[in-house]
């Protein structure tokens, strides 16, 4: 079974390490995976999904941060993972991710030279910090 909490922390920490060593494109990739795992860790803690027989999250939470699932009869209004998570939040304890988080990032960037990520490094670093704070706040014992 996936451990999204551990994966989120590992990816965010490794992204920070790579950033400190001027490995910007790889830092962005890991920060984005960390954000994705953060959303999944929080959604799982909030009982927004379960795992299917293959260990994949249900309710469209298996998708990557930038993906939009194909329309189906069950899901006529597809949402990317961030929108899906934000839409699931209700009440005063809801934790909302920023609407423009990791804008311009794609999982497909792992096949590129990284130059397309260079211009937004500060934005991506800020996004990563936001998700780290979101994760830390929600995972406290008195959190959600």
N, C-alpha and C. Protein backbone atom coordinates (compact mmCIF):
# COMPACT_ATOMS: atom_id res chain seq x y z
N UNK A 1 0.84 -1.18 0.00
CA UNK A 1 0.00 0.00 0.00
C UNK A 1 0.89 1.25 0.00
N UNK A 2 0.56 2.23 -0.80
CA UNK A 2 1.35 3.46 -0.82
C UNK A 2 1.32 4.17 0.54
N UNK A 3 2.42 4.81 0.86
CA UNK A 3 2.52 5.64 2.06
C UNK A 3 2.73 7.08 1.58
N UNK A 4 1.64 7.77 1.29
CA UNK A 4 1.73 9.11 0.71
C UNK A 4 2.34 10.12 1.66
N UNK A 5 2.15 9.94 2.96
CA UNK A 5 2.74 10.87 3.93
C UNK A 5 4.27 10.79 3.87
N UNK A 6 4.80 9.59 3.94
CA UNK A 6 6.26 9.42 3.88
C UNK A 6 6.80 9.88 2.53
N UNK A 7 6.09 9.55 1.46
CA UNK A 7 6.53 9.95 0.13
C UNK A 7 6.52 11.47 -0.02
N UNK A 8 5.50 12.13 0.52
CA UNK A 8 5.43 13.59 0.43
C UNK A 8 6.63 14.23 1.11
N UNK A 9 6.91 13.77 2.32
CA UNK A 9 8.05 14.34 3.05
C UNK A 9 9.36 14.08 2.31
N UNK A 10 9.53 12.86 1.79
CA UNK A 10 10.77 12.51 1.09
C UNK A 10 10.95 13.36 -0.16
N UNK A 11 9.90 13.49 -0.96
CA UNK A 11 10.01 14.27 -2.20
C UNK A 11 10.25 15.75 -1.92
N UNK A 12 9.57 16.30 -0.94
CA UNK A 12 9.78 17.71 -0.61
C UNK A 12 11.19 17.95 -0.09
N UNK A 13 11.65 17.06 0.79
CA UNK A 13 13.02 17.18 1.33
C UNK A 13 14.07 17.04 0.23
N UNK A 14 13.88 16.05 -0.64
CA UNK A 14 14.84 15.84 -1.73
C UNK A 14 14.82 17.00 -2.71
N UNK A 15 13.64 17.58 -2.94
CA UNK A 15 13.56 18.77 -3.78
C UNK A 15 14.35 19.92 -3.18
N UNK A 16 14.24 20.10 -1.87
CA UNK A 16 15.01 21.14 -1.20
C UNK A 16 16.52 20.89 -1.34
N UNK A 17 16.92 19.65 -1.16
CA UNK A 17 18.34 19.30 -1.28
C UNK A 17 18.86 19.62 -2.68
N UNK A 18 18.11 19.22 -3.69
CA UNK A 18 18.53 19.48 -5.07
C UNK A 18 18.56 20.98 -5.37
N UNK A 19 17.60 21.71 -4.83
CA UNK A 19 17.58 23.17 -5.02
C UNK A 19 18.82 23.80 -4.42
N UNK A 20 19.20 23.36 -3.23
CA UNK A 20 20.40 23.88 -2.56
C UNK A 20 21.67 23.59 -3.35
N UNK A 21 21.62 22.56 -4.20
CA UNK A 21 22.77 22.19 -5.01
C UNK A 21 22.58 22.58 -6.48
N UNK A 22 21.73 23.57 -6.71
CA UNK A 22 21.50 24.16 -8.03
C UNK A 22 21.06 23.16 -9.09
N UNK A 23 20.31 22.16 -8.69
CA UNK A 23 19.74 21.18 -9.61
C UNK A 23 18.25 21.50 -9.75
N UNK A 24 17.98 22.67 -10.33
CA UNK A 24 16.64 23.24 -10.32
C UNK A 24 15.55 22.39 -10.98
N UNK A 25 15.73 21.93 -12.21
CA UNK A 25 14.64 21.15 -12.83
C UNK A 25 14.27 19.91 -12.02
N UNK A 26 15.27 19.21 -11.50
CA UNK A 26 14.96 18.02 -10.70
C UNK A 26 14.34 18.40 -9.36
N UNK A 27 14.72 19.53 -8.81
CA UNK A 27 14.09 20.02 -7.58
C UNK A 27 12.60 20.26 -7.83
N UNK A 28 12.28 20.90 -8.94
CA UNK A 28 10.88 21.18 -9.27
C UNK A 28 10.10 19.88 -9.42
N UNK A 29 10.68 18.91 -10.11
CA UNK A 29 10.00 17.63 -10.29
C UNK A 29 9.65 17.01 -8.94
N UNK A 30 10.63 16.98 -8.03
CA UNK A 30 10.38 16.35 -6.74
C UNK A 30 9.42 17.17 -5.89
N UNK A 31 9.52 18.48 -5.95
CA UNK A 31 8.55 19.31 -5.22
C UNK A 31 7.13 19.04 -5.71
N UNK A 32 6.96 18.92 -7.01
CA UNK A 32 5.62 18.67 -7.55
C UNK A 32 5.11 17.29 -7.13
N UNK A 33 5.99 16.30 -7.16
CA UNK A 33 5.58 14.98 -6.66
C UNK A 33 5.25 15.07 -5.17
N UNK A 34 6.00 15.87 -4.43
CA UNK A 34 5.71 16.07 -3.02
C UNK A 34 4.35 16.71 -2.80
N UNK A 35 4.01 17.68 -3.63
CA UNK A 35 2.69 18.32 -3.55
C UNK A 35 1.60 17.30 -3.85
N UNK A 36 1.82 16.51 -4.88
CA UNK A 36 0.86 15.47 -5.25
C UNK A 36 0.65 14.49 -4.10
N UNK A 37 1.74 14.03 -3.51
CA UNK A 37 1.64 13.09 -2.38
C UNK A 37 1.02 13.75 -1.16
N UNK A 38 1.27 15.05 -0.97
CA UNK A 38 0.63 15.78 0.12
C UNK A 38 -0.88 15.74 -0.04
N UNK A 39 -1.37 16.07 -1.22
CA UNK A 39 -2.81 16.05 -1.47
C UNK A 39 -3.39 14.67 -1.22
N UNK A 40 -2.68 13.64 -1.67
CA UNK A 40 -3.17 12.28 -1.49
C UNK A 40 -3.12 11.87 -0.02
N UNK A 41 -2.07 12.26 0.71
CA UNK A 41 -1.98 11.93 2.13
C UNK A 41 -3.13 12.58 2.91
N UNK A 42 -3.39 13.84 2.60
CA UNK A 42 -4.47 14.54 3.30
C UNK A 42 -5.84 13.98 2.93
N UNK A 43 -6.03 13.70 1.64
CA UNK A 43 -7.32 13.15 1.20
C UNK A 43 -7.55 11.78 1.83
N UNK A 44 -6.50 10.97 1.94
CA UNK A 44 -6.65 9.66 2.57
C UNK A 44 -6.99 9.82 4.05
N UNK A 45 -6.29 10.73 4.73
CA UNK A 45 -6.57 10.97 6.15
C UNK A 45 -8.02 11.44 6.35
N UNK A 46 -8.54 12.16 5.37
CA UNK A 46 -9.91 12.68 5.45
C UNK A 46 -10.94 11.69 4.89
N UNK A 47 -10.50 10.48 4.59
CA UNK A 47 -11.37 9.42 4.09
C UNK A 47 -12.04 9.78 2.77
N UNK A 48 -11.31 10.48 1.89
CA UNK A 48 -11.84 10.86 0.57
C UNK A 48 -11.70 9.74 -0.43
N UNK A 49 -10.85 8.74 -0.14
CA UNK A 49 -10.68 7.60 -1.03
C UNK A 49 -10.22 6.39 -0.24
N UNK A 50 -10.31 5.25 -0.88
CA UNK A 50 -9.76 4.01 -0.36
C UNK A 50 -8.78 3.50 -1.42
N UNK A 51 -8.24 2.33 -1.23
CA UNK A 51 -7.35 1.73 -2.22
C UNK A 51 -8.07 0.56 -2.88
N UNK A 52 -7.90 0.46 -4.20
CA UNK A 52 -8.49 -0.68 -4.89
C UNK A 52 -7.60 -1.91 -4.70
N UNK A 53 -7.95 -3.01 -5.33
CA UNK A 53 -7.22 -4.27 -5.15
C UNK A 53 -5.77 -4.18 -5.61
N UNK A 54 -5.47 -3.23 -6.50
CA UNK A 54 -4.10 -3.04 -6.99
C UNK A 54 -3.31 -2.01 -6.18
N UNK A 55 -3.90 -1.49 -5.11
CA UNK A 55 -3.23 -0.49 -4.28
C UNK A 55 -3.30 0.92 -4.84
N UNK A 56 -4.20 1.15 -5.81
CA UNK A 56 -4.37 2.49 -6.39
C UNK A 56 -5.52 3.20 -5.70
N UNK A 57 -5.35 4.52 -5.45
CA UNK A 57 -6.44 5.28 -4.84
C UNK A 57 -7.69 5.31 -5.73
N UNK A 58 -8.83 5.29 -5.11
CA UNK A 58 -10.11 5.37 -5.82
C UNK A 58 -10.55 6.84 -5.92
N UNK A 59 -11.70 7.07 -6.52
CA UNK A 59 -12.33 8.39 -6.63
C UNK A 59 -11.46 9.42 -7.36
N UNK A 60 -10.71 8.97 -8.37
CA UNK A 60 -9.84 9.83 -9.19
C UNK A 60 -8.63 10.37 -8.44
N UNK A 61 -8.36 9.91 -7.24
CA UNK A 61 -7.18 10.37 -6.50
C UNK A 61 -5.91 9.66 -6.93
N UNK A 62 -5.98 8.78 -7.93
CA UNK A 62 -4.78 8.12 -8.43
C UNK A 62 -4.04 8.98 -9.45
N UNK A 63 -4.67 10.02 -9.93
CA UNK A 63 -4.06 10.85 -10.98
C UNK A 63 -2.89 11.67 -10.46
N UNK A 64 -2.10 12.16 -11.41
CA UNK A 64 -0.99 13.05 -11.07
C UNK A 64 -1.50 14.48 -10.93
N UNK A 65 -0.69 15.33 -10.34
CA UNK A 65 -1.08 16.70 -10.04
C UNK A 65 -1.63 17.45 -11.25
N UNK A 66 -1.05 17.25 -12.42
CA UNK A 66 -1.45 18.03 -13.58
C UNK A 66 -2.42 17.31 -14.51
N UNK A 67 -2.84 16.12 -14.17
CA UNK A 67 -3.69 15.35 -15.06
C UNK A 67 -5.16 15.64 -14.87
N UNK A 68 -5.89 15.50 -15.95
CA UNK A 68 -7.35 15.58 -15.92
C UNK A 68 -7.86 14.22 -16.37
N UNK A 69 -8.63 13.53 -15.53
CA UNK A 69 -9.11 12.20 -15.93
C UNK A 69 -10.07 12.31 -17.11
N UNK A 70 -10.16 11.23 -17.89
CA UNK A 70 -11.09 11.20 -19.01
C UNK A 70 -12.52 11.27 -18.49
N UNK A 71 -13.35 11.94 -19.26
CA UNK A 71 -14.75 12.04 -18.86
C UNK A 71 -15.39 10.66 -18.91
N UNK A 72 -16.21 10.40 -17.94
CA UNK A 72 -16.97 9.16 -17.89
C UNK A 72 -18.38 9.49 -17.48
N UNK A 73 -19.25 8.51 -17.54
CA UNK A 73 -20.62 8.74 -17.07
C UNK A 73 -20.63 9.06 -15.58
N UNK A 74 -19.71 8.43 -14.84
CA UNK A 74 -19.62 8.71 -13.40
C UNK A 74 -18.99 10.06 -13.12
N UNK A 75 -18.16 10.56 -14.02
CA UNK A 75 -17.43 11.79 -13.78
C UNK A 75 -17.57 12.72 -14.99
N UNK A 76 -18.74 13.33 -15.15
CA UNK A 76 -18.94 14.19 -16.32
C UNK A 76 -18.17 15.51 -16.23
N UNK A 77 -17.68 15.88 -15.06
CA UNK A 77 -16.92 17.12 -14.88
C UNK A 77 -15.54 16.78 -14.33
N UNK A 78 -14.62 16.38 -15.21
CA UNK A 78 -13.30 15.98 -14.71
C UNK A 78 -12.55 17.14 -14.07
N UNK A 79 -11.79 16.82 -13.04
CA UNK A 79 -11.00 17.80 -12.31
C UNK A 79 -9.57 17.32 -12.21
N UNK A 80 -8.60 18.26 -12.24
CA UNK A 80 -7.24 17.86 -11.93
C UNK A 80 -7.16 17.57 -10.43
N UNK A 81 -6.08 16.96 -10.01
CA UNK A 81 -5.97 16.51 -8.62
C UNK A 81 -6.14 17.65 -7.62
N UNK A 82 -5.54 18.80 -7.88
CA UNK A 82 -5.65 19.93 -6.96
C UNK A 82 -7.10 20.40 -6.87
N UNK A 83 -7.77 20.53 -8.00
CA UNK A 83 -9.18 20.95 -8.00
C UNK A 83 -10.05 19.90 -7.33
N UNK A 84 -9.75 18.63 -7.59
CA UNK A 84 -10.50 17.55 -6.97
C UNK A 84 -10.36 17.62 -5.46
N UNK A 85 -9.15 17.82 -4.98
CA UNK A 85 -8.93 17.91 -3.54
C UNK A 85 -9.63 19.14 -2.96
N UNK A 86 -9.45 20.29 -3.62
CA UNK A 86 -10.08 21.51 -3.12
C UNK A 86 -11.60 21.39 -3.10
N UNK A 87 -12.16 20.74 -4.11
CA UNK A 87 -13.62 20.57 -4.18
C UNK A 87 -14.11 19.68 -3.06
N UNK A 88 -13.27 18.78 -2.56
CA UNK A 88 -13.67 17.86 -1.50
C UNK A 88 -13.65 18.52 -0.12
N UNK A 89 -13.06 19.70 -0.01
CA UNK A 89 -12.91 20.35 1.28
C UNK A 89 -14.21 21.06 1.69
N UNK A 90 -14.60 20.82 2.92
CA UNK A 90 -15.79 21.47 3.45
C UNK A 90 -15.55 21.87 4.89
N UNK A 91 -16.34 22.78 5.37
CA UNK A 91 -16.29 23.16 6.77
C UNK A 91 -15.10 24.02 7.12
N UNK A 92 -15.00 24.33 8.39
CA UNK A 92 -13.96 25.24 8.87
C UNK A 92 -12.59 24.59 8.90
N UNK A 93 -12.51 23.26 8.88
CA UNK A 93 -11.22 22.57 8.90
C UNK A 93 -10.68 22.24 7.52
N UNK A 94 -11.36 22.68 6.48
CA UNK A 94 -10.90 22.39 5.13
C UNK A 94 -9.55 23.04 4.84
N UNK A 95 -8.66 22.29 4.21
CA UNK A 95 -7.35 22.80 3.82
C UNK A 95 -7.35 22.93 2.30
N UNK A 96 -7.21 24.15 1.82
CA UNK A 96 -7.25 24.39 0.39
C UNK A 96 -5.86 24.62 -0.17
N UNK A 97 -5.56 23.94 -1.26
CA UNK A 97 -4.32 24.19 -1.96
C UNK A 97 -4.47 25.42 -2.85
N UNK A 98 -3.38 26.09 -3.17
CA UNK A 98 -3.47 27.28 -4.03
C UNK A 98 -3.92 26.90 -5.43
N UNK A 99 -4.81 27.68 -6.02
CA UNK A 99 -5.39 27.33 -7.32
C UNK A 99 -4.35 27.24 -8.43
N UNK A 100 -3.27 27.99 -8.34
CA UNK A 100 -2.29 28.01 -9.42
C UNK A 100 -1.02 27.24 -9.08
N UNK A 101 -1.08 26.36 -8.10
CA UNK A 101 0.11 25.63 -7.69
C UNK A 101 0.72 24.84 -8.84
N UNK A 102 2.01 24.97 -8.99
CA UNK A 102 2.78 24.26 -10.00
C UNK A 102 2.24 24.48 -11.41
N UNK A 103 1.69 25.66 -11.61
CA UNK A 103 1.20 26.02 -12.94
C UNK A 103 2.35 25.94 -13.94
N UNK A 104 2.11 25.32 -15.06
CA UNK A 104 3.14 25.16 -16.08
C UNK A 104 3.97 23.91 -15.93
N UNK A 105 3.83 23.22 -14.81
CA UNK A 105 4.56 21.97 -14.59
C UNK A 105 3.75 20.80 -15.15
N UNK A 106 4.44 19.82 -15.67
CA UNK A 106 3.80 18.59 -16.14
C UNK A 106 4.68 17.42 -15.78
N UNK A 107 4.04 16.31 -15.50
CA UNK A 107 4.81 15.09 -15.23
C UNK A 107 5.66 14.73 -16.44
N UNK A 108 5.25 15.15 -17.62
CA UNK A 108 6.00 14.87 -18.84
C UNK A 108 7.32 15.66 -18.90
N UNK A 109 7.47 16.66 -18.01
CA UNK A 109 8.72 17.43 -17.98
C UNK A 109 9.92 16.56 -17.66
N UNK A 110 9.69 15.41 -17.09
CA UNK A 110 10.82 14.53 -16.76
C UNK A 110 11.54 14.06 -18.01
N UNK A 111 10.92 14.22 -19.17
CA UNK A 111 11.54 13.82 -20.44
C UNK A 111 12.17 14.99 -21.17
N UNK A 112 12.14 16.18 -20.57
CA UNK A 112 12.66 17.38 -21.23
C UNK A 112 14.01 17.77 -20.63
N UNK A 113 14.62 18.82 -21.17
CA UNK A 113 15.92 19.27 -20.68
C UNK A 113 15.81 20.13 -19.42
N UNK A 114 14.62 20.53 -19.04
CA UNK A 114 14.40 21.30 -17.81
C UNK A 114 14.36 22.80 -18.00
N UNK A 115 14.73 23.28 -19.18
CA UNK A 115 14.78 24.73 -19.39
C UNK A 115 13.40 25.38 -19.24
N UNK A 116 12.33 24.65 -19.54
CA UNK A 116 10.98 25.20 -19.44
C UNK A 116 10.58 25.47 -17.99
N UNK A 117 11.30 24.90 -17.04
CA UNK A 117 10.99 25.09 -15.62
C UNK A 117 11.79 26.22 -14.98
N UNK A 118 12.87 26.63 -15.61
CA UNK A 118 13.81 27.57 -15.00
C UNK A 118 13.19 28.92 -14.67
N UNK A 119 12.28 29.41 -15.49
CA UNK A 119 11.75 30.77 -15.30
C UNK A 119 10.82 30.90 -14.10
N UNK A 120 10.34 29.78 -13.58
CA UNK A 120 9.39 29.84 -12.47
C UNK A 120 9.91 29.18 -11.20
N UNK A 121 11.23 29.06 -11.07
CA UNK A 121 11.81 28.38 -9.91
C UNK A 121 11.30 28.98 -8.60
N UNK A 122 11.27 30.30 -8.49
CA UNK A 122 10.82 30.93 -7.25
C UNK A 122 9.37 30.59 -6.95
N UNK A 123 8.54 30.55 -7.99
CA UNK A 123 7.13 30.17 -7.79
C UNK A 123 7.02 28.73 -7.31
N UNK A 124 7.77 27.84 -7.94
CA UNK A 124 7.72 26.44 -7.56
C UNK A 124 8.26 26.22 -6.14
N UNK A 125 9.30 26.96 -5.77
CA UNK A 125 9.83 26.87 -4.41
C UNK A 125 8.77 27.33 -3.41
N UNK A 126 8.07 28.39 -3.73
CA UNK A 126 6.99 28.88 -2.88
C UNK A 126 5.85 27.86 -2.80
N UNK A 127 5.50 27.25 -3.93
CA UNK A 127 4.47 26.21 -3.94
C UNK A 127 4.86 25.07 -3.01
N UNK A 128 6.12 24.64 -3.11
CA UNK A 128 6.60 23.53 -2.28
C UNK A 128 6.49 23.88 -0.80
N UNK A 129 6.86 25.10 -0.43
CA UNK A 129 6.76 25.54 0.97
C UNK A 129 5.30 25.54 1.42
N UNK A 130 4.41 25.98 0.55
CA UNK A 130 2.98 25.98 0.89
C UNK A 130 2.51 24.57 1.20
N UNK A 131 2.87 23.61 0.33
CA UNK A 131 2.42 22.24 0.54
C UNK A 131 3.07 21.61 1.77
N UNK A 132 4.32 21.94 2.04
CA UNK A 132 4.97 21.43 3.25
C UNK A 132 4.22 21.94 4.49
N UNK A 133 3.88 23.21 4.52
CA UNK A 133 3.13 23.77 5.64
C UNK A 133 1.75 23.14 5.76
N UNK A 134 1.11 22.94 4.62
CA UNK A 134 -0.20 22.31 4.60
C UNK A 134 -0.12 20.90 5.18
N UNK A 135 0.88 20.15 4.76
CA UNK A 135 1.08 18.79 5.25
C UNK A 135 1.38 18.78 6.74
N UNK A 136 2.31 19.62 7.18
CA UNK A 136 2.68 19.66 8.59
C UNK A 136 1.51 20.06 9.48
N UNK A 137 0.72 21.04 9.03
CA UNK A 137 -0.42 21.48 9.83
C UNK A 137 -1.48 20.40 9.95
N UNK A 138 -1.75 19.73 8.86
CA UNK A 138 -2.82 18.72 8.87
C UNK A 138 -2.43 17.44 9.57
N UNK A 139 -1.14 17.15 9.63
CA UNK A 139 -0.72 15.87 10.20
C UNK A 139 -0.41 15.96 11.69
N UNK A 140 -0.57 17.14 12.29
CA UNK A 140 -0.43 17.25 13.74
C UNK A 140 -1.55 16.46 14.40
N UNK A 141 -1.32 15.89 15.57
CA UNK A 141 -2.38 15.10 16.23
C UNK A 141 -3.69 15.84 16.36
N UNK A 142 -3.64 17.15 16.63
CA UNK A 142 -4.88 17.89 16.77
C UNK A 142 -5.38 18.42 15.43
N UNK A 143 -4.70 18.08 14.34
CA UNK A 143 -5.11 18.50 13.00
C UNK A 143 -6.38 17.79 12.57
N UNK A 144 -6.66 17.87 11.29
CA UNK A 144 -7.88 17.26 10.76
C UNK A 144 -8.09 15.92 11.35
